[in-house]
N, C-alpha and C. Protein backbone atom coordinates (compact mmCIF):
# COMPACT_ATOMS: atom_id res chain seq x y z
N MET A 1 8.72 183.02 -4.83
CA MET A 1 10.28 182.52 -4.87
C MET A 1 11.08 183.69 -4.87
N GLY A 2 10.86 184.61 -5.63
CA GLY A 2 11.68 185.75 -6.09
C GLY A 2 11.51 186.54 -4.95
N LEU A 3 10.61 186.64 -4.07
CA LEU A 3 10.36 187.76 -3.26
C LEU A 3 10.92 187.26 -1.92
N GLU A 4 11.09 185.90 -1.55
CA GLU A 4 11.48 185.33 -0.64
C GLU A 4 13.19 185.63 -0.82
N LEU A 5 13.54 185.25 -1.74
CA LEU A 5 15.23 185.54 -2.10
C LEU A 5 15.38 186.91 -1.98
N PHE A 6 14.90 187.89 -2.17
CA PHE A 6 14.98 189.28 -2.04
C PHE A 6 14.81 189.71 -0.74
N ASN A 7 14.03 189.16 0.28
CA ASN A 7 13.89 189.32 1.45
C ASN A 7 15.14 188.63 2.31
N THR A 8 15.40 187.58 1.84
CA THR A 8 16.80 186.74 2.67
C THR A 8 18.06 187.36 2.34
N PHE A 9 18.15 188.25 0.97
CA PHE A 9 19.15 189.10 0.64
C PHE A 9 19.33 190.07 1.58
N ILE A 10 18.17 190.98 1.86
CA ILE A 10 18.34 192.13 2.53
C ILE A 10 18.55 191.76 4.04
N LEU A 11 17.89 190.93 4.44
CA LEU A 11 18.23 190.41 5.66
C LEU A 11 19.60 190.24 5.93
N LEU A 12 20.26 189.54 5.22
CA LEU A 12 21.69 189.07 5.04
C LEU A 12 22.34 190.39 4.88
N LEU A 13 22.10 191.19 4.43
CA LEU A 13 22.85 192.37 4.13
C LEU A 13 22.76 193.15 5.51
N LEU A 14 21.41 193.31 6.19
CA LEU A 14 21.36 194.10 7.42
C LEU A 14 22.07 193.36 8.55
N VAL A 15 22.04 192.08 8.74
CA VAL A 15 23.16 191.47 9.70
C VAL A 15 24.61 191.95 9.01
N VAL A 16 25.22 191.96 8.33
CA VAL A 16 26.32 192.37 7.80
C VAL A 16 26.67 193.68 8.10
N ALA A 17 25.53 194.52 7.88
CA ALA A 17 26.03 196.18 8.12
C ALA A 17 25.77 196.38 9.51
N ALA A 18 24.89 195.71 10.41
CA ALA A 18 24.93 195.42 11.88
C ALA A 18 26.28 195.19 12.27
N LEU A 19 26.96 194.11 12.09
CA LEU A 19 27.86 193.52 12.76
C LEU A 19 29.14 194.65 12.03
N THR A 20 29.19 195.06 10.99
CA THR A 20 30.34 196.01 10.43
C THR A 20 30.16 197.47 11.22
N ALA A 21 28.79 197.83 11.48
CA ALA A 21 28.85 199.36 12.39
C ALA A 21 29.39 199.19 13.57
N LEU A 22 29.22 197.85 14.14
CA LEU A 22 29.67 197.14 15.65
C LEU A 22 31.29 197.24 15.62
N ARG A 23 31.85 196.63 14.60
CA ARG A 23 33.10 196.37 14.83
C ARG A 23 34.06 197.60 14.16
N ALA A 24 33.29 198.51 13.56
CA ALA A 24 34.15 199.79 13.03
C ALA A 24 34.97 200.62 14.41
N ARG A 25 36.33 200.76 13.61
CA ARG A 25 36.98 201.32 15.12
C ARG A 25 36.78 202.95 14.36
N ASP A 26 36.52 203.43 13.27
CA ASP A 26 36.19 205.03 13.07
C ASP A 26 34.88 205.22 13.12
N LEU A 27 34.62 206.28 13.90
CA LEU A 27 33.15 206.72 14.07
C LEU A 27 32.25 207.15 12.83
N ILE A 28 33.17 207.55 11.91
CA ILE A 28 32.57 208.12 10.58
C ILE A 28 31.95 207.05 9.84
N THR A 29 33.02 205.91 9.97
CA THR A 29 32.86 204.64 8.99
C THR A 29 31.51 204.04 9.62
N ALA A 30 31.48 204.27 10.92
CA ALA A 30 30.15 203.52 11.92
C ALA A 30 29.21 204.26 11.32
N SER A 31 29.21 205.52 11.24
CA SER A 31 28.14 206.22 11.08
C SER A 31 27.34 206.06 9.52
N ALA A 32 28.42 206.16 8.48
CA ALA A 32 28.36 205.56 7.22
C ALA A 32 27.44 204.31 7.19
N VAL A 33 27.79 203.14 7.81
CA VAL A 33 27.33 201.93 7.82
C VAL A 33 25.94 202.00 8.49
N PHE A 34 25.72 202.65 9.51
CA PHE A 34 24.65 203.13 9.98
C PHE A 34 23.43 203.45 9.02
N ALA A 35 23.82 204.51 8.44
CA ALA A 35 22.86 205.17 7.30
C ALA A 35 22.80 204.13 5.91
N ILE A 36 23.49 203.21 5.89
CA ILE A 36 23.14 201.99 5.17
C ILE A 36 22.57 200.92 5.63
N TYR A 37 22.39 200.70 7.01
CA TYR A 37 21.85 199.74 7.70
C TYR A 37 20.07 200.51 7.61
N SER A 38 20.01 201.97 8.14
CA SER A 38 18.86 202.17 7.69
C SER A 38 18.04 202.29 6.66
N PHE A 39 19.06 202.42 5.61
CA PHE A 39 18.28 202.70 4.03
C PHE A 39 18.02 201.03 3.69
N LEU A 40 18.49 200.11 4.22
CA LEU A 40 18.30 198.51 3.83
C LEU A 40 16.96 198.28 4.74
N MET A 41 16.68 198.92 6.04
CA MET A 41 15.62 198.90 6.72
C MET A 41 14.53 199.38 5.94
N CYS A 42 14.58 200.54 5.15
CA CYS A 42 13.38 201.19 4.36
C CYS A 42 13.37 200.32 3.36
N LEU A 43 14.20 199.66 2.54
CA LEU A 43 13.93 198.87 1.58
C LEU A 43 13.11 197.59 2.11
N LEU A 44 13.21 197.13 3.37
CA LEU A 44 12.67 196.00 3.84
C LEU A 44 11.11 196.34 4.48
N TRP A 45 11.16 197.64 4.79
CA TRP A 45 9.72 198.00 5.18
C TRP A 45 8.82 198.65 3.67
N ALA A 46 9.44 198.98 2.57
CA ALA A 46 8.34 199.09 1.52
C ALA A 46 8.20 198.08 1.06
N GLU A 47 9.01 196.98 1.08
CA GLU A 47 8.73 195.59 0.38
C GLU A 47 7.67 194.94 1.01
N MET A 48 7.56 195.02 2.31
CA MET A 48 6.47 194.58 3.21
C MET A 48 5.27 195.43 3.16
N GLY A 49 5.36 196.52 2.44
CA GLY A 49 3.94 197.22 2.21
C GLY A 49 3.92 198.31 3.25
N ALA A 50 4.63 198.76 4.12
CA ALA A 50 4.74 199.74 4.76
C ALA A 50 4.88 200.84 4.31
N VAL A 51 4.47 201.39 3.44
CA VAL A 51 5.31 202.78 2.95
C VAL A 51 5.63 203.88 3.55
N ASP A 52 4.73 204.18 4.74
CA ASP A 52 4.58 205.15 5.89
C ASP A 52 5.98 205.00 6.63
N VAL A 53 6.05 203.77 7.01
CA VAL A 53 7.25 203.43 7.93
C VAL A 53 8.36 203.72 7.42
N ALA A 54 8.23 203.14 6.04
CA ALA A 54 9.66 203.31 5.17
C ALA A 54 10.02 204.82 4.68
N PHE A 55 9.03 205.41 4.55
CA PHE A 55 9.26 206.81 4.45
C PHE A 55 10.05 207.62 5.98
N THR A 56 9.43 207.21 6.74
CA THR A 56 9.88 207.77 7.99
C THR A 56 11.18 207.33 8.29
N GLU A 57 11.63 205.93 8.00
CA GLU A 57 12.73 205.27 8.09
C GLU A 57 14.02 206.18 7.37
N ALA A 58 13.57 206.38 6.02
CA ALA A 58 14.17 206.96 4.93
C ALA A 58 14.61 208.38 5.87
N THR A 59 14.00 208.99 6.10
CA THR A 59 14.06 210.72 6.42
C THR A 59 14.84 210.52 7.84
N VAL A 60 14.24 209.68 8.76
CA VAL A 60 14.85 210.19 10.10
C VAL A 60 15.88 208.97 10.09
N GLY A 61 15.92 208.04 9.89
CA GLY A 61 16.93 206.94 10.12
C GLY A 61 18.12 207.34 9.25
N ALA A 62 17.89 207.19 7.97
CA ALA A 62 18.78 207.48 7.08
C ALA A 62 19.39 208.78 6.82
N GLY A 63 18.69 209.93 6.92
CA GLY A 63 18.86 211.11 6.69
C GLY A 63 19.31 211.98 7.90
N ILE A 64 18.20 212.48 8.71
CA ILE A 64 18.43 213.23 9.76
C ILE A 64 19.53 212.79 10.80
N SER A 65 19.28 211.34 11.07
CA SER A 65 20.04 210.86 12.15
C SER A 65 21.74 210.65 11.87
N THR A 66 21.61 210.60 10.47
CA THR A 66 23.09 210.52 10.20
C THR A 66 23.69 211.74 10.06
N VAL A 67 23.02 212.59 9.49
CA VAL A 67 23.49 214.25 9.65
C VAL A 67 23.96 214.43 11.14
N VAL A 68 23.11 214.21 11.89
CA VAL A 68 23.31 214.69 13.33
C VAL A 68 24.58 214.10 13.83
N MET A 69 24.80 212.67 13.69
CA MET A 69 25.78 211.87 14.15
C MET A 69 27.42 212.40 13.63
N VAL A 70 27.33 212.71 12.02
CA VAL A 70 28.41 213.27 11.62
C VAL A 70 28.81 214.45 12.05
N ALA A 71 27.61 215.32 12.26
CA ALA A 71 28.00 216.98 12.80
C ALA A 71 28.78 216.64 14.05
N THR A 72 28.18 215.66 15.12
CA THR A 72 28.62 215.62 16.40
C THR A 72 29.94 215.19 16.34
N ILE A 73 30.26 214.20 15.48
CA ILE A 73 31.74 213.62 15.43
C ILE A 73 32.52 214.75 15.06
N PHE A 74 32.32 215.37 14.00
CA PHE A 74 33.18 216.68 13.77
C PHE A 74 33.54 217.75 14.70
N ASN A 75 32.63 217.75 15.65
CA ASN A 75 32.67 218.68 16.80
C ASN A 75 33.39 218.15 17.95
N LEU A 76 33.71 216.92 17.73
CA LEU A 76 34.60 216.11 18.98
C LEU A 76 35.71 216.90 18.96
N LYS A 77 36.45 216.92 20.22
CA LYS A 77 37.80 217.41 20.45
C LYS A 77 38.34 216.30 21.14
N ARG A 78 39.57 215.43 20.72
CA ARG A 78 40.27 214.61 21.21
C ARG A 78 41.23 215.49 22.54
N LYS A 79 41.27 215.00 23.43
CA LYS A 79 42.45 215.24 24.50
C LYS A 79 43.57 214.73 24.66
N SER A 80 44.02 213.71 23.90
CA SER A 80 45.37 212.92 23.93
C SER A 80 45.64 213.15 22.52
N ASN A 81 46.87 212.89 22.61
CA ASN A 81 47.66 213.13 20.98
C ASN A 81 48.09 211.99 20.60
N ASP A 82 47.27 210.53 20.99
CA ASP A 82 47.76 209.45 20.34
C ASP A 82 47.02 208.92 19.13
């Protein structure tokens, strides 16, 4: 019973994080929420017993991808002044 409740809670948080990342108007906010989404997926994979997949998700999804996205956002230049 407790494990099913944990899975349901994580899945609910995943849906909330995905919708928040899609609706975010600021790119840094969207990147941060995407990192949270990847971390939640890491927890879900670890709970399901796929520790190798969870480790890969943590390093690539929540780690490297977030750093690359934030670095790219900081290197963007706006053409308009609005």
